[in-house]
């Protein structure tokens, strides 16, 4: 059974403000299902880390938990 939330890890350029960091402005993103808010935060962070995406090289990680069906 799939979760009720979608964990989204956004990788944004350092020059992009956190308010402007979104799916549309992100350099890259990873998304996956989550069952709760804590799981969402952990899932997105772990997925980005496995992919080698967080931080460095003028980028930063922003995690967003969205209701499913928005992807």
PDB file of N, CA and C in Angstrom:
ATOM      1  N   UNK A   1       0.843  -1.189   0.000  1.00  0.00           N
ATOM      2  CA  UNK A   1       0.000   0.000   0.000  1.00  0.00           C
ATOM      3  C   UNK A   1       0.886   1.249   0.000  1.00  0.00           C
ATOM      4  N   UNK A   2       0.536   2.188  -0.825  1.00  0.00           N
ATOM      5  CA  UNK A   2       1.320   3.413  -0.938  1.00  0.00           C
ATOM      6  C   UNK A   2       0.940   4.404   0.151  1.00  0.00           C
ATOM      7  N   UNK A   3       1.872   5.303   0.441  1.00  0.00           N
ATOM      8  CA  UNK A   3       1.670   6.289   1.492  1.00  0.00           C
ATOM      9  C   UNK A   3       0.710   7.387   1.096  1.00  0.00           C
ATOM     10  N   UNK A   4       0.399   8.194   2.068  1.00  0.00           N
ATOM     11  CA  UNK A   4      -0.492   9.318   1.850  1.00  0.00           C
ATOM     12  C   UNK A   4       0.267  10.574   1.464  1.00  0.00           C
ATOM     13  N   UNK A   5       1.594  10.556   1.665  1.00  0.00           N
ATOM     14  CA  UNK A   5       2.433  11.711   1.350  1.00  0.00           C
ATOM     15  C   UNK A   5       3.429  11.356   0.262  1.00  0.00           C
ATOM     16  N   UNK A   6       3.944  12.382  -0.361  1.00  0.00           N
ATOM     17  CA  UNK A   6       5.015  12.223  -1.330  1.00  0.00           C
ATOM     18  C   UNK A   6       6.219  12.973  -0.780  1.00  0.00           C
ATOM     19  N   UNK A   7       7.299  12.242  -0.538  1.00  0.00           N
ATOM     20  CA  UNK A   7       8.542  12.839  -0.049  1.00  0.00           C
ATOM     21  C   UNK A   7       9.319  13.345  -1.258  1.00  0.00           C
ATOM     22  N   UNK A   8       9.612  14.634  -1.285  1.00  0.00           N
ATOM     23  CA  UNK A   8      10.308  15.237  -2.419  1.00  0.00           C
ATOM     24  C   UNK A   8      11.595  15.893  -1.932  1.00  0.00           C
ATOM     25  N   UNK A   9      12.711  15.448  -2.495  1.00  0.00           N
ATOM     26  CA  UNK A   9      14.014  16.053  -2.201  1.00  0.00           C
ATOM     27  C   UNK A   9      14.364  16.942  -3.385  1.00  0.00           C
ATOM     28  N   UNK A  10      14.389  18.241  -3.159  1.00  0.00           N
ATOM     29  CA  UNK A  10      14.718  19.211  -4.205  1.00  0.00           C
ATOM     30  C   UNK A  10      16.183  19.621  -4.061  1.00  0.00           C
ATOM     31  N   UNK A  11      16.915  19.618  -5.146  1.00  0.00           N
ATOM     32  CA  UNK A  11      18.292  20.102  -5.153  1.00  0.00           C
ATOM     33  C   UNK A  11      18.274  21.424  -5.902  1.00  0.00           C
ATOM     34  N   UNK A  12      18.577  22.496  -5.185  1.00  0.00           N
ATOM     35  CA  UNK A  12      18.514  23.832  -5.780  1.00  0.00           C
ATOM     36  C   UNK A  12      19.879  24.497  -5.790  1.00  0.00           C
ATOM     37  N   UNK A  13      20.061  25.395  -6.739  1.00  0.00           N
ATOM     38  CA  UNK A  13      21.302  26.161  -6.840  1.00  0.00           C
ATOM     39  C   UNK A  13      21.412  27.088  -5.640  1.00  0.00           C
ATOM     40  N   UNK A  14      22.637  27.271  -5.163  1.00  0.00           N
ATOM     41  CA  UNK A  14      22.875  28.114  -3.985  1.00  0.00           C
ATOM     42  C   UNK A  14      22.337  29.528  -4.174  1.00  0.00           C
ATOM     43  N   UNK A  15      22.266  30.013  -5.402  1.00  0.00           N
ATOM     44  CA  UNK A  15      21.770  31.353  -5.675  1.00  0.00           C
ATOM     45  C   UNK A  15      20.257  31.466  -5.633  1.00  0.00           C
ATOM     46  N   UNK A  16      19.556  30.333  -5.501  1.00  0.00           N
ATOM     47  CA  UNK A  16      18.098  30.324  -5.427  1.00  0.00           C
ATOM     48  C   UNK A  16      17.682  30.385  -3.961  1.00  0.00           C
ATOM     49  N   UNK A  17      16.828  31.337  -3.616  1.00  0.00           N
ATOM     50  CA  UNK A  17      16.380  31.439  -2.223  1.00  0.00           C
ATOM     51  C   UNK A  17      15.548  30.210  -1.864  1.00  0.00           C
ATOM     52  N   UNK A  18      15.473  29.888  -0.572  1.00  0.00           N
ATOM     53  CA  UNK A  18      14.690  28.724  -0.160  1.00  0.00           C
ATOM     54  C   UNK A  18      13.212  28.897  -0.509  1.00  0.00           C
ATOM     55  N   UNK A  19      12.727  30.126  -0.486  1.00  0.00           N
ATOM     56  CA  UNK A  19      11.332  30.382  -0.856  1.00  0.00           C
ATOM     57  C   UNK A  19      11.085  30.087  -2.333  1.00  0.00           C
ATOM     58  N   UNK A  20      12.095  30.337  -3.170  1.00  0.00           N
ATOM     59  CA  UNK A  20      11.951  30.129  -4.612  1.00  0.00           C
ATOM     60  C   UNK A  20      12.347  28.728  -5.057  1.00  0.00           C
ATOM     61  N   UNK A  21      12.915  27.921  -4.170  1.00  0.00           N
ATOM     62  CA  UNK A  21      13.300  26.548  -4.498  1.00  0.00           C
ATOM     63  C   UNK A  21      12.028  25.716  -4.596  1.00  0.00           C
ATOM     64  N   UNK A  22      11.735  25.213  -5.795  1.00  0.00           N
ATOM     65  CA  UNK A  22      10.511  24.452  -6.039  1.00  0.00           C
ATOM     66  C   UNK A  22      10.796  23.396  -7.103  1.00  0.00           C
ATOM     67  N   UNK A  23       9.800  22.603  -7.425  1.00  0.00           N
ATOM     68  CA  UNK A  23       9.951  21.611  -8.498  1.00  0.00           C
ATOM     69  C   UNK A  23      10.363  22.290  -9.806  1.00  0.00           C
ATOM     70  N   UNK A  24       9.847  23.483 -10.029  1.00  0.00           N
ATOM     71  CA  UNK A  24      10.119  24.196 -11.279  1.00  0.00           C
ATOM     72  C   UNK A  24      11.534  24.775 -11.333  1.00  0.00           C
ATOM     73  N   UNK A  25      12.099  25.140 -10.191  1.00  0.00           N
ATOM     74  CA  UNK A  25      13.412  25.790 -10.182  1.00  0.00           C
ATOM     75  C   UNK A  25      14.543  24.856  -9.762  1.00  0.00           C
ATOM     76  N   UNK A  26      14.223  23.671  -9.287  1.00  0.00           N
ATOM     77  CA  UNK A  26      15.240  22.731  -8.807  1.00  0.00           C
ATOM     78  C   UNK A  26      16.128  22.243  -9.950  1.00  0.00           C
ATOM     79  N   UNK A  27      17.391  22.017  -9.617  1.00  0.00           N
ATOM     80  CA  UNK A  27      18.350  21.453 -10.564  1.00  0.00           C
ATOM     81  C   UNK A  27      18.050  19.968 -10.748  1.00  0.00           C
ATOM     82  N   UNK A  28      17.607  19.315  -9.678  1.00  0.00           N
ATOM     83  CA  UNK A  28      17.275  17.894  -9.702  1.00  0.00           C
ATOM     84  C   UNK A  28      16.280  17.624  -8.586  1.00  0.00           C
ATOM     85  N   UNK A  29      15.599  16.479  -8.658  1.00  0.00           N
ATOM     86  CA  UNK A  29      14.701  16.098  -7.578  1.00  0.00           C
ATOM     87  C   UNK A  29      14.524  14.596  -7.554  1.00  0.00           C
ATOM     88  N   UNK A  30      14.184  14.095  -6.374  1.00  0.00           N
ATOM     89  CA  UNK A  30      13.846  12.690  -6.177  1.00  0.00           C
ATOM     90  C   UNK A  30      12.552  12.689  -5.382  1.00  0.00           C
ATOM     91  N   UNK A  31      11.613  11.805  -5.748  1.00  0.00           N
ATOM     92  CA  UNK A  31      10.342  11.732  -5.026  1.00  0.00           C
ATOM     93  C   UNK A  31       9.969  10.281  -4.767  1.00  0.00           C
ATOM     94  N   UNK A  32       9.295  10.050  -3.650  1.00  0.00           N
ATOM     95  CA  UNK A  32       8.834   8.711  -3.310  1.00  0.00           C
ATOM     96  C   UNK A  32       7.764   8.775  -2.240  1.00  0.00           C
ATOM     97  N   UNK A  33       7.007   7.677  -2.072  1.00  0.00           N
ATOM     98  CA  UNK A  33       5.905   7.661  -1.111  1.00  0.00           C
ATOM     99  C   UNK A  33       6.387   7.620   0.334  1.00  0.00           C
ATOM    100  N   UNK A  34       5.552   8.141   1.228  1.00  0.00           N
ATOM    101  CA  UNK A  34       5.800   8.088   2.670  1.00  0.00           C
ATOM    102  C   UNK A  34       4.455   7.986   3.383  1.00  0.00           C
ATOM    103  N   UNK A  35       4.469   7.366   4.557  1.00  0.00           N
ATOM    104  CA  UNK A  35       3.228   7.147   5.303  1.00  0.00           C
ATOM    105  C   UNK A  35       2.961   8.191   6.374  1.00  0.00           C
ATOM    106  N   UNK A  36       3.990   8.943   6.753  1.00  0.00           N
ATOM    107  CA  UNK A  36       3.823   9.944   7.810  1.00  0.00           C
ATOM    108  C   UNK A  36       4.810  11.081   7.568  1.00  0.00           C
ATOM    109  N   UNK A  37       4.620  12.181   8.276  1.00  0.00           N
ATOM    110  CA  UNK A  37       5.517  13.324   8.123  1.00  0.00           C
ATOM    111  C   UNK A  37       6.957  12.982   8.533  1.00  0.00           C
ATOM    112  N   UNK A  38       7.179  12.321   9.681  1.00  0.00           N
ATOM    113  CA  UNK A  38       8.567  11.966  10.022  1.00  0.00           C
ATOM    114  C   UNK A  38       9.201  11.037   8.982  1.00  0.00           C
ATOM    115  N   UNK A  39       8.422  10.054   8.509  1.00  0.00           N
ATOM    116  CA  UNK A  39       8.942   9.146   7.483  1.00  0.00           C
ATOM    117  C   UNK A  39       9.253   9.913   6.204  1.00  0.00           C
ATOM    118  N   UNK A  40       8.427  10.874   5.869  1.00  0.00           N
ATOM    119  CA  UNK A  40       8.635  11.693   4.675  1.00  0.00           C
ATOM    120  C   UNK A  40       9.978  12.409   4.745  1.00  0.00           C
ATOM    121  N   UNK A  41      10.244  13.037   5.878  1.00  0.00           N
ATOM    122  CA  UNK A  41      11.496  13.776   6.039  1.00  0.00           C
ATOM    123  C   UNK A  41      12.703  12.843   5.926  1.00  0.00           C
ATOM    124  N   UNK A  42      12.622  11.690   6.572  1.00  0.00           N
ATOM    125  CA  UNK A  42      13.730  10.733   6.538  1.00  0.00           C
ATOM    126  C   UNK A  42      13.908  10.116   5.157  1.00  0.00           C
ATOM    127  N   UNK A  43      12.802   9.749   4.504  1.00  0.00           N
ATOM    128  CA  UNK A  43      12.859   9.131   3.173  1.00  0.00           C
ATOM    129  C   UNK A  43      13.520  10.057   2.162  1.00  0.00           C
ATOM    130  N   UNK A  44      13.116  11.301   2.142  1.00  0.00           N
ATOM    131  CA  UNK A  44      13.663  12.253   1.171  1.00  0.00           C
ATOM    132  C   UNK A  44      15.149  12.481   1.410  1.00  0.00           C
ATOM    133  N   UNK A  45      15.527  12.622   2.668  1.00  0.00           N
ATOM    134  CA  UNK A  45      16.933  12.836   3.011  1.00  0.00           C
ATOM    135  C   UNK A  45      17.776  11.622   2.630  1.00  0.00           C
ATOM    136  N   UNK A  46      17.290  10.428   2.941  1.00  0.00           N
ATOM    137  CA  UNK A  46      18.021   9.199   2.630  1.00  0.00           C
ATOM    138  C   UNK A  46      18.140   8.995   1.124  1.00  0.00           C
ATOM    139  N   UNK A  47      17.072   9.242   0.383  1.00  0.00           N
ATOM    140  CA  UNK A  47      17.100   9.068  -1.069  1.00  0.00           C
ATOM    141  C   UNK A  47      18.089  10.026  -1.718  1.00  0.00           C
ATOM    142  N   UNK A  48      18.097  11.263  -1.284  1.00  0.00           N
ATOM    143  CA  UNK A  48      19.029  12.246  -1.836  1.00  0.00           C
ATOM    144  C   UNK A  48      20.468  11.873  -1.493  1.00  0.00           C
ATOM    145  N   UNK A  49      20.683  11.389  -0.287  1.00  0.00           N
ATOM    146  CA  UNK A  49      22.026  10.997   0.137  1.00  0.00           C
ATOM    147  C   UNK A  49      22.530   9.811  -0.676  1.00  0.00           C
ATOM    148  N   UNK A  50      21.681   8.806  -0.878  1.00  0.00           N
ATOM    149  CA  UNK A  50      22.052   7.633  -1.682  1.00  0.00           C
ATOM    150  C   UNK A  50      22.415   8.030  -3.100  1.00  0.00           C
ATOM    151  N   UNK A  51      21.717   9.009  -3.628  1.00  0.00           N
ATOM    152  CA  UNK A  51      21.963   9.459  -4.998  1.00  0.00           C
ATOM    153  C   UNK A  51      23.151  10.419  -5.079  1.00  0.00           C
ATOM    154  N   UNK A  52      23.695  10.790  -3.932  1.00  0.00           N
ATOM    155  CA  UNK A  52      24.832  11.712  -3.909  1.00  0.00           C
ATOM    156  C   UNK A  52      24.441  13.145  -4.212  1.00  0.00           C
ATOM    157  N   UNK A  53      23.198  13.507  -3.946  1.00  0.00           N
ATOM    158  CA  UNK A  53      22.706  14.831  -4.315  1.00  0.00           C
ATOM    159  C   UNK A  53      22.881  15.951  -3.296  1.00  0.00           C
ATOM    160  N   UNK A  54      22.848  15.695  -1.984  1.00  0.00           N
ATOM    161  CA  UNK A  54      22.810  16.840  -1.070  1.00  0.00           C
ATOM    162  C   UNK A  54      24.033  17.741  -1.119  1.00  0.00           C
ATOM    163  N   UNK A  55      23.754  19.000  -0.997  1.00  0.00           N
ATOM    164  CA  UNK A  55      24.760  20.039  -0.774  1.00  0.00           C
ATOM    165  C   UNK A  55      26.015  20.027  -1.616  1.00  0.00           C
ATOM    166  N   UNK A  56      26.877  20.994  -1.317  1.00  0.00           N
ATOM    167  CA  UNK A  56      28.155  21.131  -2.009  1.00  0.00           C
ATOM    168  C   UNK A  56      28.002  21.601  -3.438  1.00  0.00           C
ATOM    169  N   UNK A  57      29.110  21.970  -4.031  1.00  0.00           N
ATOM    170  CA  UNK A  57      29.144  22.385  -5.437  1.00  0.00           C
ATOM    171  C   UNK A  57      28.088  23.428  -5.783  1.00  0.00           C
ATOM    172  N   UNK A  58      27.821  24.359  -4.864  1.00  0.00           N
ATOM    173  CA  UNK A  58      26.866  25.428  -5.140  1.00  0.00           C
ATOM    174  C   UNK A  58      25.419  24.987  -5.135  1.00  0.00           C
ATOM    175  N   UNK A  59      25.122  23.881  -4.428  1.00  0.00           N
ATOM    176  CA  UNK A  59      23.754  23.365  -4.356  1.00  0.00           C
ATOM    177  C   UNK A  59      23.360  23.149  -2.903  1.00  0.00           C
ATOM    178  N   UNK A  60      22.061  23.065  -2.659  1.00  0.00           N
ATOM    179  CA  UNK A  60      21.584  22.702  -1.327  1.00  0.00           C
ATOM    180  C   UNK A  60      20.335  21.847  -1.449  1.00  0.00           C
ATOM    181  N   UNK A  61      20.032  21.132  -0.388  1.00  0.00           N
ATOM    182  CA  UNK A  61      18.900  20.216  -0.344  1.00  0.00           C
ATOM    183  C   UNK A  61      17.726  20.864   0.382  1.00  0.00           C
ATOM    184  N   UNK A  62      16.548  20.763  -0.220  1.00  0.00           N
ATOM    185  CA  UNK A  62      15.313  21.214   0.430  1.00  0.00           C
ATOM    186  C   UNK A  62      14.334  20.049   0.365  1.00  0.00           C
ATOM    187  N   UNK A  63      13.748  19.717   1.499  1.00  0.00           N
ATOM    188  CA  UNK A  63      12.799  18.608   1.556  1.00  0.00           C
ATOM    189  C   UNK A  63      11.389  19.158   1.673  1.00  0.00           C
ATOM    190  N   UNK A  64      10.497  18.596   0.856  1.00  0.00           N
ATOM    191  CA  UNK A  64       9.096  19.002   0.858  1.00  0.00           C
ATOM    192  C   UNK A  64       8.243  17.740   0.966  1.00  0.00           C
ATOM    193  N   UNK A  65       7.233  17.763   1.815  1.00  0.00           N
ATOM    194  CA  UNK A  65       6.291  16.653   1.931  1.00  0.00           C
ATOM    195  C   UNK A  65       4.953  17.132   1.375  1.00  0.00           C
ATOM    196  N   UNK A  66       4.510  16.471   0.314  1.00  0.00           N
ATOM    197  CA  UNK A  66       3.287  16.887  -0.383  1.00  0.00           C
ATOM    198  C   UNK A  66       2.218  15.810  -0.265  1.00  0.00           C
ATOM    199  N   UNK A  67       0.953  16.190  -0.358  1.00  0.00           N
ATOM    200  CA  UNK A  67      -0.097  15.176  -0.434  1.00  0.00           C
ATOM    201  C   UNK A  67       0.092  14.362  -1.717  1.00  0.00           C
ATOM    202  N   UNK A  68      -0.132  13.060  -1.643  1.00  0.00           N
ATOM    203  CA  UNK A  68       0.018  12.225  -2.847  1.00  0.00           C
ATOM    204  C   UNK A  68      -0.979  12.647  -3.917  1.00  0.00           C
ATOM    205  N   UNK A  69      -0.594  12.395  -5.149  1.00  0.00           N
ATOM    206  CA  UNK A  69      -1.441  12.745  -6.268  1.00  0.00           C
ATOM    207  C   UNK A  69      -1.026  14.036  -6.931  1.00  0.00           C
ATOM    208  N   UNK A  70      -0.049  14.737  -6.340  1.00  0.00           N
ATOM    209  CA  UNK A  70       0.404  16.008  -6.902  1.00  0.00           C
ATOM    210  C   UNK A  70       1.556  15.828  -7.884  1.00  0.00           C
ATOM    211  N   UNK A  71       2.210  14.653  -7.880  1.00  0.00           N
ATOM    212  CA  UNK A  71       3.391  14.424  -8.706  1.00  0.00           C
ATOM    213  C   UNK A  71       3.036  14.554 -10.157  1.00  0.00           C
TER     214      UNK A  71
END
